Amino acid sequence: MSEMTQEEALRVADALVSQALKETEARCSVLAQFIDDCDRARSHTSAWSGTLRELQALHGRRSGLVRRQTLIQEALECPVGEDPAKGLLPPSPNRPVLRTQQQVQVQARHRRSR
């Protein structure tokens, strides 16, 4: 059995992170739809509260997966043998947490119904 190269390991990691990201986003979509349906019916039950908590947790997971995917992509773009620290690093972006349009709408409806 041959050993896996660093590039092969990064490609496998990238595929695994991509799959986890797709699954997380699909679950977020289902949860957001449930929350939206409850908001429209003005039915804020314990299931609705639990779903909000799960959606918030999944947002954190998604953010972590996106960061990992970015790091993996950067590692794949770095030529073998080159020290990535020698190049100039871009400045750290000062941007707000990314949210999908549906998530923002769900939160806006949530605020109005209180």
N, C-alpha and C. Protein backbone atom coordinates (compact mmCIF):
# COMPACT_ATOMS: atom_id res chain seq x y z
N MET A 1 0.85 -1.17 0.00
CA MET A 1 0.00 0.00 0.00
C MET A 1 0.90 1.24 0.00
N SER A 2 0.64 2.16 -0.93
CA SER A 2 1.48 3.35 -1.02
C SER A 2 0.97 4.45 -0.09
N GLU A 3 1.90 5.31 0.27
CA GLU A 3 1.52 6.42 1.15
C GLU A 3 0.86 7.52 0.33
N MET A 4 -0.04 8.20 0.98
CA MET A 4 -0.74 9.30 0.35
C MET A 4 0.14 10.55 0.38
N THR A 5 0.20 11.28 -0.72
CA THR A 5 0.98 12.52 -0.73
C THR A 5 0.19 13.61 -0.01
N GLN A 6 0.89 14.67 0.29
CA GLN A 6 0.24 15.79 0.98
C GLN A 6 -0.86 16.38 0.10
N GLU A 7 -0.62 16.50 -1.20
CA GLU A 7 -1.63 17.05 -2.10
C GLU A 7 -2.85 16.14 -2.16
N GLU A 8 -2.63 14.83 -2.22
CA GLU A 8 -3.77 13.90 -2.23
C GLU A 8 -4.58 14.01 -0.94
N ALA A 9 -3.89 14.13 0.18
CA ALA A 9 -4.57 14.26 1.46
C ALA A 9 -5.39 15.56 1.50
N LEU A 10 -4.83 16.63 0.95
CA LEU A 10 -5.57 17.89 0.91
C LEU A 10 -6.79 17.79 0.01
N ARG A 11 -6.67 17.09 -1.10
CA ARG A 11 -7.81 16.93 -2.01
C ARG A 11 -8.92 16.08 -1.35
N VAL A 12 -8.52 15.06 -0.62
CA VAL A 12 -9.51 14.26 0.11
C VAL A 12 -10.19 15.12 1.18
N ALA A 13 -9.38 15.89 1.91
CA ALA A 13 -9.93 16.78 2.94
C ALA A 13 -10.88 17.80 2.32
N ASP A 14 -10.52 18.34 1.17
CA ASP A 14 -11.37 19.30 0.48
C ASP A 14 -12.71 18.67 0.09
N ALA A 15 -12.66 17.46 -0.41
CA ALA A 15 -13.90 16.76 -0.79
C ALA A 15 -14.77 16.49 0.43
N LEU A 16 -14.15 16.09 1.54
CA LEU A 16 -14.91 15.82 2.76
C LEU A 16 -15.54 17.10 3.32
N VAL A 17 -14.79 18.19 3.31
CA VAL A 17 -15.33 19.46 3.81
C VAL A 17 -16.45 19.94 2.89
N SER A 18 -16.27 19.79 1.59
CA SER A 18 -17.32 20.20 0.64
C SER A 18 -18.60 19.42 0.89
N GLN A 19 -18.48 18.14 1.11
CA GLN A 19 -19.66 17.31 1.37
C GLN A 19 -20.33 17.71 2.69
N ALA A 20 -19.53 17.92 3.72
CA ALA A 20 -20.09 18.35 5.02
C ALA A 20 -20.76 19.70 4.90
N LEU A 21 -20.19 20.58 4.10
CA LEU A 21 -20.78 21.91 3.89
C LEU A 21 -22.13 21.79 3.18
N LYS A 22 -22.20 20.96 2.16
CA LYS A 22 -23.47 20.75 1.45
C LYS A 22 -24.54 20.19 2.38
N GLU A 23 -24.17 19.22 3.19
CA GLU A 23 -25.12 18.62 4.12
C GLU A 23 -25.58 19.64 5.17
N THR A 24 -24.66 20.44 5.67
CA THR A 24 -25.00 21.46 6.67
C THR A 24 -25.92 22.50 6.07
N GLU A 25 -25.62 22.95 4.86
CA GLU A 25 -26.46 23.95 4.21
C GLU A 25 -27.85 23.39 3.90
N ALA A 26 -27.92 22.12 3.54
CA ALA A 26 -29.23 21.51 3.28
C ALA A 26 -30.05 21.46 4.56
N ARG A 27 -29.41 21.09 5.66
CA ARG A 27 -30.12 21.04 6.95
C ARG A 27 -30.55 22.46 7.37
N CYS A 28 -29.69 23.44 7.16
CA CYS A 28 -30.06 24.83 7.48
C CYS A 28 -31.28 25.26 6.68
N SER A 29 -31.33 24.87 5.44
CA SER A 29 -32.46 25.23 4.58
C SER A 29 -33.76 24.64 5.10
N VAL A 30 -33.72 23.38 5.51
CA VAL A 30 -34.91 22.71 6.04
C VAL A 30 -35.36 23.39 7.34
N LEU A 31 -34.41 23.66 8.21
CA LEU A 31 -34.73 24.31 9.49
C LEU A 31 -35.30 25.72 9.26
N ALA A 32 -34.70 26.46 8.34
CA ALA A 32 -35.18 27.81 8.06
C ALA A 32 -36.61 27.76 7.51
N GLN A 33 -36.90 26.78 6.69
CA GLN A 33 -38.27 26.66 6.16
C GLN A 33 -39.26 26.35 7.29
N PHE A 34 -38.87 25.48 8.22
CA PHE A 34 -39.74 25.16 9.35
C PHE A 34 -39.99 26.41 10.20
N ILE A 35 -38.93 27.16 10.47
CA ILE A 35 -39.06 28.39 11.26
C ILE A 35 -39.96 29.39 10.54
N ASP A 36 -39.76 29.52 9.25
CA ASP A 36 -40.59 30.43 8.46
C ASP A 36 -42.06 30.01 8.51
N ASP A 37 -42.32 28.73 8.37
CA ASP A 37 -43.70 28.24 8.43
C ASP A 37 -44.33 28.53 9.80
N CYS A 38 -43.56 28.32 10.86
CA CYS A 38 -44.06 28.61 12.21
C CYS A 38 -44.32 30.10 12.38
N ASP A 39 -43.41 30.92 11.87
CA ASP A 39 -43.58 32.37 11.97
C ASP A 39 -44.85 32.83 11.24
N ARG A 40 -45.08 32.28 10.07
CA ARG A 40 -46.28 32.65 9.31
C ARG A 40 -47.56 32.26 10.06
N ALA A 41 -47.50 31.11 10.74
CA ALA A 41 -48.65 30.63 11.51
C ALA A 41 -48.68 31.23 12.92
N ARG A 42 -47.67 32.02 13.24
CA ARG A 42 -47.52 32.61 14.58
C ARG A 42 -47.58 31.53 15.66
N SER A 43 -46.88 30.45 15.37
CA SER A 43 -46.84 29.29 16.26
C SER A 43 -45.42 29.13 16.80
N HIS A 44 -45.15 29.74 17.92
CA HIS A 44 -43.81 29.69 18.50
C HIS A 44 -43.80 28.71 19.66
N THR A 45 -43.67 27.44 19.30
CA THR A 45 -43.70 26.35 20.27
C THR A 45 -42.28 26.01 20.73
N SER A 46 -42.18 25.00 21.57
CA SER A 46 -40.86 24.54 21.99
C SER A 46 -40.10 23.94 20.81
N ALA A 47 -40.80 23.35 19.85
CA ALA A 47 -40.14 22.83 18.65
C ALA A 47 -39.53 23.98 17.84
N TRP A 48 -40.24 25.09 17.77
CA TRP A 48 -39.75 26.27 17.07
C TRP A 48 -38.48 26.79 17.76
N SER A 49 -38.51 26.87 19.09
CA SER A 49 -37.34 27.33 19.85
C SER A 49 -36.15 26.39 19.67
N GLY A 50 -36.42 25.11 19.72
CA GLY A 50 -35.35 24.14 19.53
C GLY A 50 -34.75 24.22 18.13
N THR A 51 -35.60 24.47 17.16
CA THR A 51 -35.13 24.59 15.79
C THR A 51 -34.27 25.84 15.63
N LEU A 52 -34.66 26.93 16.27
CA LEU A 52 -33.83 28.14 16.24
C LEU A 52 -32.44 27.87 16.82
N ARG A 53 -32.41 27.17 17.95
CA ARG A 53 -31.12 26.85 18.57
C ARG A 53 -30.27 25.96 17.65
N GLU A 54 -30.91 24.97 17.04
CA GLU A 54 -30.17 24.09 16.14
C GLU A 54 -29.64 24.87 14.93
N LEU A 55 -30.45 25.77 14.40
CA LEU A 55 -30.03 26.57 13.25
C LEU A 55 -28.83 27.45 13.63
N GLN A 56 -28.86 28.05 14.81
CA GLN A 56 -27.74 28.86 15.26
C GLN A 56 -26.47 28.02 15.39
N ALA A 57 -26.60 26.83 15.93
CA ALA A 57 -25.44 25.93 16.06
C ALA A 57 -24.90 25.54 14.69
N LEU A 58 -25.80 25.29 13.75
CA LEU A 58 -25.38 24.92 12.41
C LEU A 58 -24.69 26.08 11.69
N HIS A 59 -25.09 27.31 12.01
CA HIS A 59 -24.39 28.47 11.44
C HIS A 59 -22.95 28.48 11.88
N GLY A 60 -22.72 28.17 13.15
CA GLY A 60 -21.35 28.09 13.66
C GLY A 60 -20.57 26.99 12.98
N ARG A 61 -21.20 25.85 12.81
CA ARG A 61 -20.54 24.72 12.12
C ARG A 61 -20.21 25.10 10.69
N ARG A 62 -21.15 25.74 10.01
CA ARG A 62 -20.94 26.14 8.62
C ARG A 62 -19.77 27.12 8.52
N SER A 63 -19.71 28.08 9.43
CA SER A 63 -18.61 29.05 9.43
C SER A 63 -17.27 28.34 9.58
N GLY A 64 -17.21 27.38 10.48
CA GLY A 64 -15.97 26.62 10.67
C GLY A 64 -15.60 25.83 9.43
N LEU A 65 -16.58 25.23 8.78
CA LEU A 65 -16.31 24.47 7.56
C LEU A 65 -15.82 25.38 6.43
N VAL A 66 -16.40 26.56 6.32
CA VAL A 66 -15.96 27.50 5.29
C VAL A 66 -14.52 27.93 5.54
N ARG A 67 -14.18 28.18 6.81
CA ARG A 67 -12.79 28.54 7.15
C ARG A 67 -11.83 27.40 6.79
N ARG A 68 -12.23 26.17 7.14
CA ARG A 68 -11.37 25.02 6.80
C ARG A 68 -11.20 24.88 5.30
N GLN A 69 -12.29 25.03 4.57
CA GLN A 69 -12.23 24.89 3.12
C GLN A 69 -11.30 25.96 2.52
N THR A 70 -11.37 27.17 3.05
CA THR A 70 -10.50 28.25 2.57
C THR A 70 -9.04 27.90 2.82
N LEU A 71 -8.74 27.40 4.01
CA LEU A 71 -7.36 27.02 4.32
C LEU A 71 -6.87 25.88 3.43
N ILE A 72 -7.72 24.92 3.19
CA ILE A 72 -7.35 23.79 2.32
C ILE A 72 -7.08 24.29 0.90
N GLN A 73 -7.96 25.16 0.40
CA GLN A 73 -7.77 25.71 -0.94
C GLN A 73 -6.46 26.50 -1.03
N GLU A 74 -6.17 27.27 -0.01
CA GLU A 74 -4.91 28.03 0.01
C GLU A 74 -3.72 27.08 0.01
N ALA A 75 -3.81 26.00 0.76
CA ALA A 75 -2.72 25.02 0.80
C ALA A 75 -2.56 24.34 -0.55
N LEU A 76 -3.66 24.05 -1.23
CA LEU A 76 -3.58 23.43 -2.55
C LEU A 76 -2.98 24.37 -3.59
N GLU A 77 -3.20 25.67 -3.42
CA GLU A 77 -2.68 26.65 -4.38
C GLU A 77 -1.21 26.94 -4.17
N CYS A 78 -0.69 26.60 -3.01
CA CYS A 78 0.72 26.86 -2.70
C CYS A 78 1.59 25.78 -3.37
N PRO A 79 2.54 26.18 -4.23
CA PRO A 79 3.40 25.18 -4.88
C PRO A 79 4.19 24.36 -3.87
N VAL A 80 4.42 23.10 -4.20
CA VAL A 80 5.17 22.20 -3.33
C VAL A 80 6.57 22.75 -3.12
N GLY A 81 7.00 22.75 -1.88
CA GLY A 81 8.33 23.22 -1.55
C GLY A 81 8.42 24.71 -1.27
N GLU A 82 7.36 25.44 -1.59
CA GLU A 82 7.37 26.88 -1.33
C GLU A 82 6.81 27.13 0.06
N ASP A 83 7.47 28.02 0.79
CA ASP A 83 7.03 28.37 2.13
C ASP A 83 5.96 29.45 2.01
N PRO A 84 4.71 29.13 2.37
CA PRO A 84 3.65 30.12 2.22
C PRO A 84 3.85 31.36 3.09
N ALA A 85 4.61 31.24 4.15
CA ALA A 85 4.83 32.38 5.04
C ALA A 85 5.77 33.41 4.40
N LYS A 86 6.53 33.02 3.37
CA LYS A 86 7.46 33.95 2.73
C LYS A 86 6.73 34.97 1.86
N GLY A 87 5.61 34.60 1.33
CA GLY A 87 4.84 35.52 0.51
C GLY A 87 4.10 36.52 1.37
N LEU A 88 3.68 37.60 0.76
CA LEU A 88 2.93 38.60 1.51
C LEU A 88 1.52 38.08 1.75
N LEU A 89 1.10 38.16 2.98
CA LEU A 89 -0.25 37.73 3.32
C LEU A 89 -1.21 38.89 3.09
N PRO A 90 -2.38 38.60 2.54
CA PRO A 90 -3.35 39.68 2.36
C PRO A 90 -3.85 40.15 3.73
N PRO A 91 -4.27 41.40 3.82
CA PRO A 91 -4.78 41.88 5.10
C PRO A 91 -6.03 41.11 5.51
N SER A 92 -6.21 41.00 6.80
CA SER A 92 -7.37 40.29 7.33
C SER A 92 -8.64 41.07 6.98
N PRO A 93 -9.62 40.41 6.36
CA PRO A 93 -10.83 41.13 6.00
C PRO A 93 -11.67 41.46 7.23
N ASN A 94 -12.19 42.65 7.26
CA ASN A 94 -13.09 43.07 8.32
C ASN A 94 -14.50 43.08 7.76
N ARG A 95 -15.09 41.91 7.69
CA ARG A 95 -16.42 41.83 7.13
C ARG A 95 -17.35 41.14 8.12
N PRO A 96 -18.62 41.45 8.05
CA PRO A 96 -19.59 40.82 8.95
C PRO A 96 -19.76 39.35 8.61
N VAL A 97 -20.36 38.63 9.53
CA VAL A 97 -20.63 37.21 9.32
C VAL A 97 -21.56 37.07 8.12
N LEU A 98 -21.20 36.17 7.21
CA LEU A 98 -22.02 35.96 6.02
C LEU A 98 -23.28 35.19 6.39
N ARG A 99 -24.41 35.65 5.88
CA ARG A 99 -25.68 34.99 6.12
C ARG A 99 -26.43 34.91 4.81
N THR A 100 -27.16 33.87 4.63
CA THR A 100 -27.94 33.77 3.40
C THR A 100 -29.17 34.64 3.52
N GLN A 101 -29.75 34.97 2.37
CA GLN A 101 -30.91 35.84 2.36
C GLN A 101 -32.05 35.26 3.18
N GLN A 102 -32.28 33.98 3.09
CA GLN A 102 -33.38 33.37 3.82
C GLN A 102 -33.17 33.49 5.32
N GLN A 103 -31.93 33.35 5.77
CA GLN A 103 -31.66 33.45 7.20
C GLN A 103 -31.96 34.86 7.70
N VAL A 104 -31.62 35.86 6.94
CA VAL A 104 -31.89 37.23 7.33
C VAL A 104 -33.39 37.47 7.40
N GLN A 105 -34.13 36.93 6.42
CA GLN A 105 -35.57 37.11 6.42
C GLN A 105 -36.21 36.43 7.62
N VAL A 106 -35.73 35.25 7.98
CA VAL A 106 -36.28 34.53 9.13
C VAL A 106 -36.05 35.34 10.38
N GLN A 107 -34.88 35.92 10.54
CA GLN A 107 -34.58 36.70 11.72
C GLN A 107 -35.44 37.97 11.76
N ALA A 108 -35.65 38.58 10.62
CA ALA A 108 -36.47 39.80 10.58
C ALA A 108 -37.91 39.47 10.98
N ARG A 109 -38.44 38.38 10.50
CA ARG A 109 -39.80 37.99 10.88
C ARG A 109 -39.86 37.66 12.35
N HIS A 110 -38.81 37.03 12.84
CA HIS A 110 -38.75 36.66 14.26
C HIS A 110 -38.83 37.91 15.12
N ARG A 111 -38.14 38.96 14.75
CA ARG A 111 -38.13 40.19 15.53
C ARG A 111 -39.50 40.86 15.52
N ARG A 112 -40.18 40.83 14.39
CA ARG A 112 -41.49 41.48 14.29
C ARG A 112 -42.54 40.76 15.13
N SER A 113 -42.40 39.47 15.31
CA SER A 113 -43.44 38.71 15.99
C SER A 113 -43.32 38.76 17.51
N ARG A 114 -42.30 39.34 18.02
CA ARG A 114 -42.12 39.40 19.49
C ARG A 114 -43.05 40.38 20.13
